[in-house]
Amino acid sequence: MLRAVAGLFRPDEGSVALGDDVWFDAERRIDRPPELRAVGYVFQDYALFPHLSVRGNVAFGGEARVDELLERFGIDQLARARPHELSGGERQRVGLARALARNPQVLLLDEPLSALDAHTRSAVRVELQGLLREFRLPALLVTHDFEDAAALADRVGVLLDGKLLQLGRAAELVASPADPFVASLTGGNLLLGRARLGPDGLTEVVLDGGEIVLSSEAGFGRVGVVIQPWEVTLARAALPSDSALNHLRGPVASVVPAGNRVRVRVGPVLAEVTAASAERLGVAPGEVVVASFKATAARLVPLPD
């Protein structure tokens, strides 16, 4: 998709336009060459020229704004350095500066954070978020990480095998996934089963593992049950005294710290609780706990039989 917008790949059909400015149209045989498309492209590995200095790499995009961009990205002190002397975060800044030196009308970002370690990634994500808002350019960012997409994008489109499954704000995709793949990408639990009419107007889902889950959403036949990890609570009691209708009992399979929270897998369900709560419950691999969630938290996605 990025290569098609940049003019490096010619689609068999369709069109590419920026507002009323048509860059490509298969039917009308319009195909503007890459050098005449106002695009700034930041490649996945940044594609910096190893034989050029930082200044030389940025100047390759355009001479006029070199000093301004070196200062803006805080790499003016590295102007004489070569790419192999830079850290991952510094190389990314050089790649962005070079892309913006072209005075682009569109910014294309191919997995801009994938080459960074976890610590650097978090810091650079915040920096990139500010830059995208500052420059106010239309941007297309490709990533496999939903956390990156949610932090950086106004709208998120989920592509699978060339098909757009869902397009919307990140919060909309989390709250109402239109497809099981979207649900799993956003970090939700996806439990497969068969839905039927349940008690008190609820839907009863018999999971493939034999457990029964209740949902406040209507559904019938083959479905996926989507529950976000933070909507799952943990308890030691055989049947917790709360308003949740769904209780899955089993041994803890894994405990993974995530900042000030902990992700705990119990049977088919992943729960995300505070570190203090996990410590209070004595959560540890092998310990038997009950994972609970409300019927309103169990969203249903229809599946083909």
Foldseek 3Di string as FASTA:
>chain_A
DLCCQLLNDPDCADFHADVPRTQDGNVVGHHHHNVPAQEQEQAQQSPFDQVAFLLRRLCVLPPPCSVVLCVVLVNPVRRRPGPVVDDLLVSLSSSVSSSCNNVGQEYEAEASQPVDDPVVSVVVLVVVQVVCVVVVHHYDYDDLALVSCLSRHQKDWDDDPRDTQDIGHSVCLCQDPQDPVSLVSNPWQKFKFFWDQDPPCWIWTQTPVRFIDTANDDDGTIKIWTAHQQQKDKFADPDDPDQFPDKDKAFWADWADDPQWIWIDGVRGIHIGGPVRCVVRVHDGGRIMIITGHNHRTDIHDDDD
